[in-house]
Amino acid sequence: MRLHRNLVYTTIDSLNAIFNEGEYADKVVARALKKDKRWGSSDRKFVAETIYEIVRWKRLYAEIAEVKEPFNREDLWRLFAVWAVLRGFTIPDWRQLEGTPERKIKGRFDELSKIRKYRESIPDWMDELGVKELGEELWTKELAAQNQQAKVILRVNTLKTTKEKLRASLMDLNIDTDFVKNQPDTLVLKERANVFLTEMFKLGHFEVQDASSQLVAPFLDVQPGMRVVDTCAGAGGKTLHMASLMENKGQLIAMDLYESKLKQLKLRAKRNGAFNIEYRIIDSTKVIKKLYEKADRVLIDAPCSGLGVLKRNPDSKWKLQPEFIENIKKVQAEVLENYSRIVKPGGQLVYATCSILPSENQDQIKRFLTTENGKDFTFVKEVKILASESGFDGFYMALLQKK
């Protein structure tokens, strides 16, 4: 297998932006893929996958290459050399790759693979936290699953098409998909493809959304004609799913702190043909107070550590800090306390996170149910999804009923 100089240079520039300039990997990759219009799909695939791979295995590769952050240009080439050797590429005779010690790299890899924090390439504090909350055995399995490449999963927009029709249309473009058991609106791609370029995407026939995330809206049991509030809507993957389950009937209020996210949701909703959504920016407590005891269903898709979606966001392993997790738990408690008041008597609430830590999930629910406001709720059921068991993202959701 040969390496192409312009693709590798783009990869090195991108790693510099992620590791040294604090940029987010997904944004850097999106920019890198637009760099040269002449690149074919295999070129773009190489650039995207190589960047993500080196980000994912940063600690392991840095240890093998004997480099420390902040990485200078030479260090980044050494990281790349480790990746190339371990992936079986022929090392070209470029100046930057001169003297790559192939046997030493393979030997160090075998040695370090016996130690979990290097093998799975994570910070010490995260490894300790995972063991503390999930136990050695489960954490080890979960970490290995979180280091697999994420699958591309589609949610069929039933406002516009059916799962069978969409599957057939994609097959015409040589994009093969499988159904997912017990998930009526889900298709999973057999091989990665840029589905955003398809006509079906532009027409709003589907959204890209992980299978675990697609379980949240049905769990809340939204029905046509209800008043439903999505309190942390963001760019609205779950909001749009709820709109389709409600068949555009009833009122769906999407709230968020950030106007930019709601603008993004508006564009997606237009493409999806979802027109029962109202948008509200949480710019004061009044916005929430106006809705007290008014909603049949409330979704709290709470801000969290994101430790269930590391396979999708490998750079968050390096951006997350222990203080952030401590702070986010306080935010989760406040959000539960405030937004739960929107549920009317007899209504239901779902609290969801894309974390696998009990302290962000079931512990938050137990604590909430002992509060003054929480005493008005009954715990109905919960679902804990682990990547090591499902093959999809790690997720948690709890359903509460207001008395």
Protein backbone atom coordinates (compact mmCIF):
# COMPACT_ATOMS: atom_id res chain seq x y z
CA MET A 1 0.00 0.00 0.00
CA ARG A 2 1.37 3.36 -1.06
CA LEU A 3 1.13 6.69 0.72
CA HIS A 4 0.32 9.86 -1.27
CA ARG A 5 2.18 12.97 -0.23
CA ASN A 6 -0.67 15.53 -0.55
CA LEU A 7 -3.07 13.34 1.48
CA VAL A 8 -0.48 12.84 4.22
CA TYR A 9 0.37 16.57 4.37
CA THR A 10 -3.34 17.35 4.80
CA THR A 11 -3.51 14.77 7.60
CA ILE A 12 -0.49 16.31 9.40
CA ASP A 13 -1.98 19.85 9.09
CA SER A 14 -5.29 18.57 10.47
CA LEU A 15 -3.66 16.84 13.45
CA ASN A 16 -1.85 20.07 14.24
CA ALA A 17 -5.19 21.93 14.32
CA ILE A 18 -6.77 19.31 16.61
CA PHE A 19 -3.88 18.68 19.02
CA ASN A 20 -2.21 22.09 19.15
CA GLU A 21 -4.95 24.58 18.32
CA GLY A 22 -7.83 22.96 20.22
CA GLU A 23 -10.13 22.58 17.19
CA TYR A 24 -12.82 19.88 17.10
CA ALA A 25 -11.96 16.84 14.99
CA ASP A 26 -15.26 16.74 13.08
CA LYS A 27 -14.89 20.38 11.97
CA VAL A 28 -11.23 19.86 10.99
CA VAL A 29 -12.08 16.72 8.99
CA ALA A 30 -14.97 18.48 7.19
CA ARG A 31 -12.58 21.29 6.20
CA ALA A 32 -9.84 18.86 5.12
CA LEU A 33 -12.22 16.99 2.81
CA LYS A 34 -12.92 20.18 0.87
CA LYS A 35 -9.25 20.89 0.28
CA ASP A 36 -8.88 19.36 -3.18
CA LYS A 37 -11.80 18.90 -5.58
CA ARG A 38 -9.80 16.32 -7.55
CA TRP A 39 -9.77 13.84 -4.68
CA GLY A 40 -11.85 10.74 -5.22
CA SER A 41 -13.86 8.95 -2.55
CA SER A 42 -10.91 6.70 -1.58
CA ASP A 43 -8.69 9.79 -1.08
CA ARG A 44 -11.27 11.45 1.16
CA LYS A 45 -11.80 8.20 3.04
CA PHE A 46 -8.03 7.94 3.68
CA VAL A 47 -7.83 11.52 5.02
CA ALA A 48 -10.92 11.26 7.28
CA GLU A 49 -10.15 7.81 8.67
CA THR A 50 -6.44 8.48 9.23
CA ILE A 51 -7.11 11.71 11.15
CA TYR A 52 -9.71 10.01 13.35
CA GLU A 53 -7.49 6.95 13.90
CA ILE A 54 -4.50 9.00 15.06
CA VAL A 55 -6.76 11.12 17.30
CA ARG A 56 -8.32 7.96 18.76
CA TRP A 57 -4.97 6.29 19.51
CA LYS A 58 -3.05 9.45 20.42
CA ARG A 59 -1.75 8.26 23.80
CA LEU A 60 -0.65 4.85 22.53
CA TYR A 61 1.06 6.29 19.43
CA ALA A 62 2.74 9.09 21.40
CA GLU A 63 4.11 6.55 23.87
CA ILE A 64 5.44 4.36 21.04
CA ALA A 65 6.91 7.39 19.22
CA GLU A 66 8.35 8.76 22.48
CA VAL A 67 6.90 12.24 21.92
CA LYS A 68 5.09 14.52 24.36
CA GLU A 69 2.59 17.33 23.93
CA PRO A 70 2.59 20.01 22.69
CA PHE A 71 3.59 18.18 19.49
CA ASN A 72 5.85 20.01 17.06
CA ARG A 73 5.75 19.23 13.34
CA GLU A 74 8.40 16.53 13.68
CA ASP A 75 6.44 14.87 16.50
CA LEU A 76 3.29 14.76 14.34
CA TRP A 77 5.28 13.00 11.59
CA ARG A 78 6.49 10.49 14.18
CA LEU A 79 2.90 9.81 15.26
CA PHE A 80 1.95 9.36 11.62
CA ALA A 81 4.89 6.98 11.11
CA VAL A 82 3.65 4.79 13.99
CA TRP A 83 0.17 4.69 12.45
CA ALA A 84 1.55 3.82 9.00
CA VAL A 85 3.79 1.01 10.30
CA LEU A 86 0.98 -0.52 12.40
CA ARG A 87 -1.39 -0.31 9.42
CA GLY A 88 1.07 -2.12 7.15
CA PHE A 89 1.96 0.73 4.78
CA THR A 90 5.28 0.75 2.95
CA ILE A 91 7.23 3.67 4.42
CA PRO A 92 8.26 5.94 1.52
CA ASP A 93 11.70 7.57 1.33
CA TRP A 94 10.47 11.03 2.28
CA ARG A 95 12.70 13.27 4.36
CA GLN A 96 10.11 13.43 7.21
CA LEU A 97 9.93 9.63 7.50
CA GLU A 98 13.66 8.88 7.29
CA GLY A 99 14.89 6.34 9.80
CA THR A 100 11.41 5.15 10.87
CA PRO A 101 12.25 2.28 13.31
CA GLU A 102 9.68 -0.26 12.10
CA ARG A 103 10.75 -3.20 14.27
CA LYS A 104 10.96 -1.03 17.38
CA ILE A 105 7.46 0.38 16.72
CA LYS A 106 5.96 -3.12 16.44
CA GLY A 107 7.82 -4.29 19.55
CA ARG A 108 6.65 -1.30 21.62
CA PHE A 109 3.09 -1.84 20.39
CA ASP A 110 3.09 -5.47 21.59
CA GLU A 111 4.53 -4.39 24.95
CA LEU A 112 2.14 -1.48 25.59
CA SER A 113 -0.92 -3.44 24.42
CA LYS A 114 -0.77 -5.36 27.69
CA ILE A 115 -1.62 -2.19 29.67
CA ARG A 116 -5.24 -1.02 29.35
CA LYS A 117 -4.67 2.75 29.51
CA TYR A 118 -2.20 2.49 26.60
CA ARG A 119 -3.99 -0.29 24.71
CA GLU A 120 -7.27 1.63 24.74
CA SER A 121 -5.46 4.97 24.66
CA ILE A 122 -7.13 7.01 27.40
CA PRO A 123 -6.04 9.44 30.13
CA ASP A 124 -5.28 7.97 33.58
CA TRP A 125 -8.09 9.89 35.30
CA MET A 126 -10.69 8.57 32.84
CA ASP A 127 -9.50 5.00 33.29
CA GLU A 128 -9.71 5.36 37.08
CA LEU A 129 -13.19 6.91 36.89
CA GLY A 130 -14.48 4.15 34.61
CA VAL A 131 -13.20 1.42 36.93
CA LYS A 132 -14.68 3.18 39.97
CA GLU A 133 -18.15 3.51 38.39
CA LEU A 134 -18.45 0.36 36.26
CA GLY A 135 -15.91 -2.09 37.68
CA GLU A 136 -12.80 -3.51 35.95
CA GLU A 137 -14.50 -6.11 33.75
CA LEU A 138 -17.33 -4.00 32.35
CA TRP A 139 -15.14 -0.90 31.87
CA THR A 140 -12.54 -2.96 29.96
CA LYS A 141 -15.22 -4.31 27.60
CA GLU A 142 -16.85 -0.91 27.17
CA LEU A 143 -13.57 0.84 26.37
CA ALA A 144 -12.73 -1.71 23.67
CA ALA A 145 -16.20 -1.20 22.13
CA GLN A 146 -15.82 2.61 22.28
CA ASN A 147 -12.60 2.37 20.27
CA GLN A 148 -14.32 0.70 17.32
CA GLN A 149 -15.26 2.84 14.34
CA ALA A 150 -18.87 4.06 14.63
CA LYS A 151 -21.39 2.72 12.12
CA VAL A 152 -23.38 5.04 9.88
CA ILE A 153 -27.02 4.76 10.95
CA LEU A 154 -30.04 6.40 9.37
CA ARG A 155 -33.41 7.28 10.83
CA VAL A 156 -36.09 7.08 8.18
CA ASN A 157 -38.31 10.18 8.12
CA THR A 158 -41.76 8.58 8.11
CA LEU A 159 -43.36 11.96 7.30
CA LYS A 160 -41.96 11.51 3.79
CA THR A 161 -41.18 7.87 3.06
CA THR A 162 -40.98 4.31 4.41
CA LYS A 163 -38.03 2.19 5.48
CA GLU A 164 -38.54 -0.20 2.54
CA LYS A 165 -38.73 2.60 -0.06
CA LEU A 166 -35.63 4.34 1.30
CA ARG A 167 -33.69 1.08 1.38
CA ALA A 168 -34.58 0.41 -2.27
CA SER A 169 -33.61 3.97 -3.34
CA LEU A 170 -30.23 3.66 -1.59
CA MET A 171 -29.67 0.25 -3.17
CA ASP A 172 -30.03 1.90 -6.59
CA LEU A 173 -27.00 4.02 -5.61
CA ASN A 174 -25.08 0.89 -4.49
CA ILE A 175 -25.52 1.84 -0.83
CA ASP A 176 -26.51 -1.36 0.97
CA THR A 177 -28.30 -1.22 4.32
CA ASP A 178 -29.65 -3.60 6.94
CA PHE A 179 -32.69 -3.26 9.17
CA VAL A 180 -32.14 -3.12 12.94
CA LYS A 181 -34.19 -5.54 15.05
CA ASN A 182 -37.03 -3.92 17.04
CA GLN A 183 -36.31 -0.47 15.57
CA PRO A 184 -38.94 0.33 12.94
CA ASP A 185 -37.35 3.51 11.55
CA THR A 186 -33.69 2.44 11.44
CA LEU A 187 -31.29 1.46 8.66
CA VAL A 188 -27.59 0.72 9.19
CA LEU A 189 -25.11 1.03 6.32
CA LYS A 190 -23.13 -2.12 5.52
CA GLU A 191 -20.22 0.06 4.40
CA ARG A 192 -19.50 3.74 5.09
CA ALA A 193 -20.70 6.14 2.39
CA ASN A 194 -21.31 9.88 2.16
CA VAL A 195 -25.09 9.75 2.36
CA PHE A 196 -25.34 13.55 2.67
CA LEU A 197 -24.71 13.88 -1.06
CA THR A 198 -27.75 11.77 -1.99
CA GLU A 199 -30.96 13.21 -3.38
CA MET A 200 -32.92 11.37 -0.66
CA PHE A 201 -31.06 13.31 2.05
CA LYS A 202 -31.67 16.63 0.29
CA LEU A 203 -35.37 15.75 0.07
CA GLY A 204 -35.47 15.02 3.83
CA HIS A 205 -36.15 11.29 3.58
CA PHE A 206 -33.73 10.50 6.39
CA GLU A 207 -31.42 11.86 9.07
CA VAL A 208 -28.15 10.35 10.32
CA GLN A 209 -28.80 9.35 13.94
CA ASP A 210 -27.36 6.55 16.08
CA ALA A 211 -29.64 3.60 16.84
CA SER A 212 -29.43 4.23 20.62
CA SER A 213 -30.46 7.86 20.19
CA GLN A 214 -33.41 6.68 18.08
CA LEU A 215 -34.83 4.79 21.09
CA VAL A 216 -35.46 7.98 23.10
CA ALA A 217 -38.51 9.43 21.28
CA PRO A 218 -40.48 6.12 21.30
CA PHE A 219 -39.53 5.66 24.99
CA LEU A 220 -41.27 8.97 25.75
CA ASP A 221 -44.37 7.58 23.99
CA VAL A 222 -45.27 10.79 22.15
CA GLN A 223 -48.61 10.66 20.33
CA PRO A 224 -50.26 12.83 17.65
CA GLY A 225 -52.09 15.81 19.19
CA MET A 226 -50.03 16.05 22.38
CA ARG A 227 -48.14 19.05 23.70
CA VAL A 228 -44.52 17.93 23.93
CA VAL A 229 -41.49 19.94 25.10
CA ASP A 230 -37.90 19.09 24.15
CA THR A 231 -36.03 21.14 26.74
CA CYS A 232 -32.45 20.69 25.44
CA ALA A 233 -33.22 20.37 21.74
CA GLY A 234 -29.82 21.32 20.32
CA ALA A 235 -29.74 20.76 16.56
CA GLY A 236 -32.77 18.56 17.04
CA GLY A 237 -32.20 14.92 16.06
CA LYS A 238 -34.67 13.71 18.69
CA THR A 239 -37.02 16.67 18.09
CA LEU A 240 -37.39 15.68 14.44
CA HIS A 241 -37.99 12.04 15.42
CA MET A 242 -40.75 13.16 17.79
CA ALA A 243 -42.31 15.32 15.05
CA SER A 244 -42.54 12.28 12.78
CA LEU A 245 -44.01 10.08 15.55
CA MET A 246 -46.57 12.84 16.22
CA GLU A 247 -47.39 12.85 12.46
CA ASN A 248 -47.10 16.68 12.56
CA LYS A 249 -50.19 16.83 14.80
CA GLY A 250 -50.09 18.64 18.12
CA GLN A 251 -47.51 21.07 19.48
CA LEU A 252 -43.82 20.34 19.79
CA ILE A 253 -41.79 23.04 21.56
CA ALA A 254 -38.03 22.90 20.96
CA MET A 255 -36.02 24.85 23.53
CA ASP A 256 -32.33 25.54 23.80
CA LEU A 257 -29.90 28.05 25.30
CA TYR A 258 -28.28 28.64 21.91
CA GLU A 259 -30.04 30.37 19.04
CA SER A 260 -27.48 28.99 16.55
CA LYS A 261 -28.55 25.42 17.34
CA LEU A 262 -32.24 26.23 16.93
CA LYS A 263 -31.47 27.89 13.57
CA GLN A 264 -29.86 24.64 12.48
CA LEU A 265 -32.93 22.74 13.68
CA LYS A 266 -35.22 25.06 11.67
CA LEU A 267 -33.32 24.24 8.48
CA ARG A 268 -33.47 20.51 9.20
CA ALA A 269 -37.17 20.70 10.08
CA LYS A 270 -37.91 22.43 6.78
CA ARG A 271 -36.09 19.70 4.87
CA ASN A 272 -37.90 17.04 6.93
CA GLY A 273 -41.33 18.57 6.36
CA ALA A 274 -41.81 18.85 10.14
CA PHE A 275 -44.08 21.85 10.73
CA ASN A 276 -45.54 21.33 14.22
CA ILE A 277 -42.36 22.63 15.91
CA GLU A 278 -42.13 25.93 17.81
CA TYR A 279 -38.73 27.34 18.74
CA ARG A 280 -37.92 29.03 22.05
CA ILE A 281 -34.54 30.30 23.20
CA ILE A 282 -34.06 29.94 26.96
CA ASP A 283 -32.84 33.48 27.54
CA SER A 284 -34.52 33.84 30.96
CA THR A 285 -36.32 31.74 33.58
CA LYS A 286 -39.63 33.22 32.33
CA VAL A 287 -39.48 31.02 29.21
CA ILE A 288 -39.61 27.90 31.41
CA LYS A 289 -42.04 29.30 34.00
CA LYS A 290 -44.61 30.03 31.29
CA LEU A 291 -44.74 26.30 30.55
CA TYR A 292 -45.08 25.02 34.14
CA GLU A 293 -47.55 22.09 34.26
CA LYS A 294 -48.51 22.55 30.59
CA ALA A 295 -46.91 19.58 28.79
CA ASP A 296 -48.10 16.00 28.26
CA ARG A 297 -44.54 14.89 27.61
CA VAL A 298 -41.14 16.43 28.43
CA LEU A 299 -37.78 15.29 27.17
CA ILE A 300 -34.66 16.29 29.10
CA ASP A 301 -31.79 15.23 26.86
CA ALA A 302 -29.34 16.43 29.49
CA PRO A 303 -25.85 17.81 28.90
CA CYS A 304 -23.36 15.12 29.91
CA SER A 305 -19.78 13.87 29.70
CA GLY A 306 -20.46 12.07 26.40
CA LEU A 307 -18.62 8.97 27.64
CA GLY A 308 -21.11 6.81 25.73
CA VAL A 309 -20.18 8.31 22.36
CA LEU A 310 -16.36 8.26 22.37
CA LYS A 311 -16.34 6.16 19.20
CA ARG A 312 -18.10 9.06 17.46
CA ASN A 313 -16.06 11.81 19.14
CA PRO A 314 -12.62 10.34 19.89
CA ASP A 315 -11.09 13.78 20.48
CA SER A 316 -13.32 14.28 23.54
CA LYS A 317 -11.06 11.75 25.32
CA TRP A 318 -8.40 14.47 25.28
CA LYS A 319 -10.64 17.53 25.66
CA LEU A 320 -12.67 16.28 28.65
CA GLN A 321 -11.44 17.17 32.12
CA PRO A 322 -12.47 15.65 35.50
CA GLU A 323 -13.70 19.08 36.68
CA PHE A 324 -16.07 19.23 33.71
CA ILE A 325 -17.75 15.99 34.79
CA GLU A 326 -18.17 17.25 38.36
CA ASN A 327 -19.70 20.50 37.08
CA ILE A 328 -21.96 18.82 34.55
CA LYS A 329 -23.51 16.68 37.31
CA LYS A 330 -24.60 19.90 39.07
CA VAL A 331 -26.09 21.16 35.80
CA GLN A 332 -27.95 17.85 35.34
CA ALA A 333 -29.47 18.14 38.82
CA GLU A 334 -30.59 21.76 38.14
CA VAL A 335 -32.02 20.90 34.74
CA LEU A 336 -34.04 18.01 36.22
CA GLU A 337 -35.28 20.25 39.02
CA ASN A 338 -36.34 23.12 36.74
CA TYR A 339 -37.56 21.44 33.57
CA SER A 340 -39.52 18.69 35.33
CA ARG A 341 -41.96 21.41 36.45
CA ILE A 342 -43.15 21.68 32.84
CA VAL A 343 -44.84 18.26 33.08
CA LYS A 344 -48.56 18.45 33.82
CA PRO A 345 -50.20 16.07 36.35
CA GLY A 346 -50.49 12.64 34.71
CA GLY A 347 -47.84 13.56 32.14
CA GLN A 348 -44.49 11.88 31.57
CA LEU A 349 -40.84 12.87 31.56
CA VAL A 350 -37.79 11.20 30.05
CA TYR A 351 -34.31 12.03 31.33
CA ALA A 352 -31.65 10.88 28.84
CA THR A 353 -27.87 11.15 28.49
CA CYS A 354 -25.23 9.76 26.13
CA SER A 355 -23.12 8.77 29.14
CA ILE A 356 -22.51 5.35 30.67
CA LEU A 357 -21.61 6.62 34.16
CA PRO A 358 -24.14 5.74 36.89
CA SER A 359 -23.33 9.05 38.64
CA GLU A 360 -24.76 10.93 35.63
CA ASN A 361 -27.66 8.54 35.15
CA GLN A 362 -29.48 6.39 37.70
CA ASP A 363 -27.84 8.24 40.63
CA GLN A 364 -29.24 11.55 39.31
CA ILE A 365 -32.73 10.03 39.07
CA LYS A 366 -32.55 8.55 42.60
CA ARG A 367 -31.43 11.92 43.98
CA PHE A 368 -34.16 13.82 42.07
CA LEU A 369 -36.93 11.55 43.39
CA THR A 370 -36.00 12.54 46.98
CA THR A 371 -36.34 16.31 46.28
CA GLU A 372 -39.46 18.35 47.01
CA ASN A 373 -40.33 18.56 43.32
CA GLY A 374 -39.22 14.98 42.59
CA LYS A 375 -41.68 13.59 45.15
CA ASP A 376 -44.46 14.40 42.67
CA PHE A 377 -43.02 11.80 40.28
CA THR A 378 -43.06 8.01 40.13
CA PHE A 379 -40.21 6.06 38.57
CA VAL A 380 -41.60 3.91 35.74
CA LYS A 381 -38.59 2.28 34.02
CA GLU A 382 -35.06 2.84 32.74
CA VAL A 383 -32.88 1.59 29.89
CA LYS A 384 -29.09 1.37 30.07
CA ILE A 385 -27.35 0.82 26.73
CA LEU A 386 -23.70 -0.17 26.59
CA ALA A 387 -21.69 -0.09 23.36
CA SER A 388 -20.12 -3.44 24.31
CA GLU A 389 -23.57 -5.09 24.32
CA SER A 390 -25.44 -3.22 21.57
CA GLY A 391 -22.70 -2.28 19.10
CA PHE A 392 -24.22 1.22 19.10
CA ASP A 393 -23.66 4.26 21.33
CA GLY A 394 -23.72 4.07 25.10
CA PHE A 395 -26.93 5.68 26.37
CA TYR A 396 -29.22 6.00 29.36
CA MET A 397 -32.89 6.91 29.64
CA ALA A 398 -35.33 6.97 32.56
CA LEU A 399 -39.11 7.39 32.32
CA LEU A 400 -40.92 9.18 35.15
CA GLN A 401 -44.67 9.75 35.56
CA LYS A 402 -46.08 12.81 37.31
CA LYS A 403 -48.72 11.98 39.89
